[in-house]
């Protein structure tokens, strides 16, 4: 998913940092690696930094909301789907 943000301006450094954080999280969750409070705080700070850089690339809330189908549109589309023969 992050690769899709590269054309929008996600730097290779941020991409690399996000991958490293993902790997660290996996090690902690799956291998039971212990971390100090300071290391955990650094991890959270790094996650917040990466997240802020990704959010900067996201479309504005108004633009995003304009592309989300309204409930009535979703209802119409669902009602138009034929379930005959299922």
N, C-alpha and C. Protein backbone atom coordinates (compact mmCIF):
# COMPACT_ATOMS: atom_id res chain seq x y z
N UNK A 1 0.82 -1.18 0.00
CA UNK A 1 0.00 0.00 0.00
C UNK A 1 0.88 1.26 0.00
N UNK A 2 1.97 1.20 0.73
CA UNK A 2 2.85 2.36 0.77
C UNK A 2 3.48 2.64 -0.58
N UNK A 3 3.77 1.60 -1.33
CA UNK A 3 4.35 1.79 -2.66
C UNK A 3 3.44 2.65 -3.54
N UNK A 4 2.13 2.52 -3.34
CA UNK A 4 1.18 3.30 -4.13
C UNK A 4 1.30 4.79 -3.83
N UNK A 5 1.88 5.15 -2.70
CA UNK A 5 2.03 6.57 -2.34
C UNK A 5 3.31 7.19 -2.89
N UNK A 6 4.20 6.38 -3.42
CA UNK A 6 5.45 6.93 -3.97
C UNK A 6 5.19 7.95 -5.08
N UNK A 7 4.27 7.67 -6.02
CA UNK A 7 4.02 8.69 -7.05
C UNK A 7 3.43 9.99 -6.49
N UNK A 8 2.80 9.92 -5.32
CA UNK A 8 2.24 11.12 -4.69
C UNK A 8 3.28 11.87 -3.87
N UNK A 9 4.48 11.32 -3.77
CA UNK A 9 5.55 12.03 -3.09
C UNK A 9 6.11 11.38 -1.84
N UNK A 10 5.70 10.15 -1.54
CA UNK A 10 6.27 9.47 -0.37
C UNK A 10 7.74 9.17 -0.65
N UNK A 11 8.61 9.67 0.21
CA UNK A 11 10.04 9.49 -0.02
C UNK A 11 10.47 8.06 0.29
N UNK A 12 11.56 7.66 -0.30
CA UNK A 12 12.11 6.32 -0.04
C UNK A 12 12.51 6.18 1.43
N UNK A 13 12.96 7.26 2.03
CA UNK A 13 13.35 7.22 3.44
C UNK A 13 12.14 6.92 4.34
N UNK A 14 11.03 7.58 4.06
CA UNK A 14 9.81 7.34 4.86
C UNK A 14 9.31 5.93 4.60
N UNK A 15 9.35 5.49 3.35
CA UNK A 15 8.94 4.12 3.02
C UNK A 15 9.80 3.12 3.79
N UNK A 16 11.11 3.33 3.76
CA UNK A 16 12.04 2.43 4.45
C UNK A 16 11.79 2.43 5.96
N UNK A 17 11.56 3.61 6.52
CA UNK A 17 11.29 3.70 7.95
C UNK A 17 10.01 2.96 8.30
N UNK A 18 8.98 3.11 7.48
CA UNK A 18 7.71 2.42 7.73
C UNK A 18 7.90 0.91 7.69
N UNK A 19 8.68 0.42 6.76
CA UNK A 19 8.95 -1.03 6.66
C UNK A 19 9.71 -1.51 7.89
N UNK A 20 10.69 -0.74 8.35
CA UNK A 20 11.45 -1.11 9.54
C UNK A 20 10.54 -1.15 10.77
N UNK A 21 9.66 -0.19 10.89
CA UNK A 21 8.72 -0.18 12.02
C UNK A 21 7.79 -1.38 11.97
N UNK A 22 7.36 -1.73 10.77
CA UNK A 22 6.50 -2.90 10.59
C UNK A 22 7.23 -4.17 11.02
N UNK A 23 8.48 -4.29 10.63
CA UNK A 23 9.28 -5.46 11.00
C UNK A 23 9.51 -5.51 12.51
N UNK A 24 9.77 -4.36 13.11
CA UNK A 24 9.97 -4.31 14.55
C UNK A 24 8.70 -4.74 15.29
N UNK A 25 7.55 -4.25 14.82
CA UNK A 25 6.28 -4.61 15.43
C UNK A 25 6.05 -6.12 15.34
N UNK A 26 6.36 -6.69 14.19
CA UNK A 26 6.18 -8.13 14.01
C UNK A 26 7.08 -8.91 14.96
N UNK A 27 8.32 -8.48 15.11
CA UNK A 27 9.24 -9.16 16.02
C UNK A 27 8.73 -9.10 17.47
N UNK A 28 8.25 -7.95 17.85
CA UNK A 28 7.76 -7.78 19.22
C UNK A 28 6.52 -8.65 19.45
N UNK A 29 5.61 -8.62 18.49
CA UNK A 29 4.35 -9.37 18.65
C UNK A 29 4.52 -10.87 18.52
N UNK A 30 5.34 -11.31 17.59
CA UNK A 30 5.41 -12.74 17.27
C UNK A 30 6.57 -13.47 17.92
N UNK A 31 7.61 -12.74 18.26
CA UNK A 31 8.78 -13.39 18.83
C UNK A 31 8.97 -13.07 20.31
N UNK A 32 8.08 -12.27 20.85
CA UNK A 32 8.15 -11.96 22.27
C UNK A 32 9.37 -11.16 22.68
N UNK A 33 9.87 -10.33 21.80
CA UNK A 33 11.03 -9.50 22.10
C UNK A 33 10.63 -8.47 23.16
N UNK A 34 11.43 -8.33 24.18
CA UNK A 34 11.18 -7.33 25.23
C UNK A 34 11.81 -6.01 24.83
N UNK A 35 11.13 -4.92 25.17
CA UNK A 35 11.67 -3.59 24.89
C UNK A 35 11.54 -2.74 26.14
N UNK A 36 12.44 -1.80 26.25
CA UNK A 36 12.39 -0.87 27.39
C UNK A 36 11.31 0.18 27.14
N UNK A 37 10.97 0.89 28.18
CA UNK A 37 9.99 1.96 28.06
C UNK A 37 10.48 3.01 27.06
N UNK A 38 11.76 3.36 27.15
CA UNK A 38 12.32 4.35 26.23
C UNK A 38 12.26 3.89 24.78
N UNK A 39 12.55 2.62 24.55
CA UNK A 39 12.49 2.09 23.19
C UNK A 39 11.05 2.10 22.68
N UNK A 40 10.11 1.78 23.56
CA UNK A 40 8.70 1.80 23.17
C UNK A 40 8.26 3.23 22.83
N UNK A 41 8.71 4.20 23.63
CA UNK A 41 8.38 5.60 23.36
C UNK A 41 8.99 6.07 22.04
N UNK A 42 10.22 5.64 21.75
CA UNK A 42 10.86 5.98 20.47
C UNK A 42 10.09 5.36 19.31
N UNK A 43 9.63 4.12 19.51
CA UNK A 43 8.87 3.43 18.48
C UNK A 43 7.58 4.20 18.18
N UNK A 44 6.87 4.59 19.22
CA UNK A 44 5.62 5.33 19.04
C UNK A 44 5.89 6.67 18.35
N UNK A 45 6.94 7.36 18.75
CA UNK A 45 7.28 8.64 18.13
C UNK A 45 7.60 8.46 16.64
N UNK A 46 8.32 7.40 16.31
CA UNK A 46 8.64 7.13 14.91
C UNK A 46 7.37 6.81 14.12
N UNK A 47 6.47 6.04 14.72
CA UNK A 47 5.19 5.73 14.06
C UNK A 47 4.39 7.00 13.81
N UNK A 48 4.37 7.90 14.79
CA UNK A 48 3.64 9.15 14.64
C UNK A 48 4.26 10.00 13.54
N UNK A 49 5.58 10.02 13.45
CA UNK A 49 6.27 10.78 12.41
C UNK A 49 5.92 10.24 11.03
N UNK A 50 6.03 8.92 10.86
CA UNK A 50 5.72 8.30 9.57
C UNK A 50 4.26 8.55 9.21
N UNK A 51 3.38 8.40 10.18
CA UNK A 51 1.96 8.63 9.94
C UNK A 51 1.71 10.06 9.48
N UNK A 52 2.38 11.02 10.10
CA UNK A 52 2.18 12.42 9.71
C UNK A 52 2.61 12.65 8.27
N UNK A 53 3.68 12.00 7.85
CA UNK A 53 4.15 12.15 6.47
C UNK A 53 3.18 11.51 5.48
N UNK A 54 2.56 10.41 5.87
CA UNK A 54 1.58 9.76 5.01
C UNK A 54 0.31 10.60 4.92
N UNK A 55 -0.12 11.14 6.06
CA UNK A 55 -1.33 11.96 6.08
C UNK A 55 -1.15 13.21 5.22
N UNK A 56 0.04 13.75 5.19
CA UNK A 56 0.32 14.93 4.34
C UNK A 56 0.03 14.62 2.87
N UNK A 57 0.17 13.36 2.48
CA UNK A 57 -0.05 12.98 1.09
C UNK A 57 -1.51 12.65 0.80
N UNK A 58 -2.29 12.46 1.85
CA UNK A 58 -3.69 12.09 1.68
C UNK A 58 -4.47 13.28 1.15
N UNK A 59 -5.51 13.00 0.36
CA UNK A 59 -6.34 14.11 -0.13
C UNK A 59 -7.05 14.78 1.05
N UNK A 60 -7.46 15.99 0.83
CA UNK A 60 -8.17 16.71 1.90
C UNK A 60 -9.43 15.94 2.27
N UNK A 61 -9.92 16.16 3.47
CA UNK A 61 -11.12 15.47 3.94
C UNK A 61 -12.30 15.76 3.02
N UNK A 62 -12.43 16.99 2.56
CA UNK A 62 -13.54 17.34 1.68
C UNK A 62 -13.46 16.57 0.37
N UNK A 63 -12.25 16.50 -0.19
CA UNK A 63 -12.06 15.77 -1.45
C UNK A 63 -12.35 14.29 -1.24
N UNK A 64 -11.86 13.75 -0.13
CA UNK A 64 -12.08 12.34 0.15
C UNK A 64 -13.57 12.06 0.33
N UNK A 65 -14.26 12.89 1.09
CA UNK A 65 -15.68 12.69 1.35
C UNK A 65 -16.50 12.78 0.06
N UNK A 66 -16.07 13.63 -0.86
CA UNK A 66 -16.79 13.76 -2.13
C UNK A 66 -16.72 12.47 -2.94
N UNK A 67 -15.69 11.68 -2.73
CA UNK A 67 -15.52 10.43 -3.48
C UNK A 67 -16.15 9.23 -2.79
N UNK A 68 -16.64 9.41 -1.58
CA UNK A 68 -17.27 8.31 -0.85
C UNK A 68 -18.75 8.31 -1.20
N UNK A 69 -19.26 7.19 -1.67
CA UNK A 69 -20.68 7.15 -2.04
C UNK A 69 -21.57 7.42 -0.84
N UNK A 70 -22.64 8.15 -1.06
CA UNK A 70 -23.60 8.41 0.01
C UNK A 70 -24.36 7.12 0.31
N UNK A 71 -24.99 7.08 1.46
CA UNK A 71 -25.74 5.88 1.84
C UNK A 71 -26.84 5.58 0.82
N UNK A 72 -27.53 6.61 0.35
CA UNK A 72 -28.61 6.38 -0.61
C UNK A 72 -28.05 5.84 -1.92
N UNK A 73 -26.89 6.32 -2.33
CA UNK A 73 -26.27 5.79 -3.55
C UNK A 73 -25.87 4.34 -3.35
N UNK A 74 -25.33 4.02 -2.18
CA UNK A 74 -24.97 2.64 -1.89
C UNK A 74 -26.20 1.75 -1.90
N UNK A 75 -27.28 2.23 -1.30
CA UNK A 75 -28.52 1.47 -1.28
C UNK A 75 -29.01 1.20 -2.70
N UNK A 76 -28.98 2.23 -3.55
CA UNK A 76 -29.43 2.05 -4.94
C UNK A 76 -28.56 1.02 -5.65
N UNK A 77 -27.25 1.11 -5.43
CA UNK A 77 -26.36 0.17 -6.11
C UNK A 77 -26.57 -1.25 -5.61
N UNK A 78 -26.75 -1.41 -4.31
CA UNK A 78 -27.01 -2.74 -3.77
C UNK A 78 -28.32 -3.30 -4.27
N UNK A 79 -29.35 -2.45 -4.34
CA UNK A 79 -30.65 -2.90 -4.81
C UNK A 79 -30.63 -3.27 -6.29
N UNK A 80 -29.68 -2.70 -7.03
CA UNK A 80 -29.63 -2.99 -8.46
C UNK A 80 -28.92 -4.31 -8.75
N UNK A 81 -28.27 -4.89 -7.74
CA UNK A 81 -27.57 -6.14 -7.95
C UNK A 81 -28.58 -7.28 -7.89
N UNK A 82 -28.58 -8.05 -8.93
CA UNK A 82 -29.51 -9.17 -8.99
C UNK A 82 -28.95 -10.36 -8.24
N UNK A 83 -29.77 -10.92 -7.39
CA UNK A 83 -29.35 -12.15 -6.68
C UNK A 83 -30.03 -13.37 -7.28
N UNK A 84 -30.74 -13.16 -8.36
CA UNK A 84 -31.42 -14.27 -9.02
C UNK A 84 -30.39 -15.30 -9.49
N UNK A 85 -30.67 -16.52 -9.21
CA UNK A 85 -29.78 -17.60 -9.64
C UNK A 85 -28.68 -17.92 -8.64
N UNK A 86 -28.63 -17.20 -7.52
CA UNK A 86 -27.60 -17.49 -6.52
C UNK A 86 -28.05 -18.56 -5.57
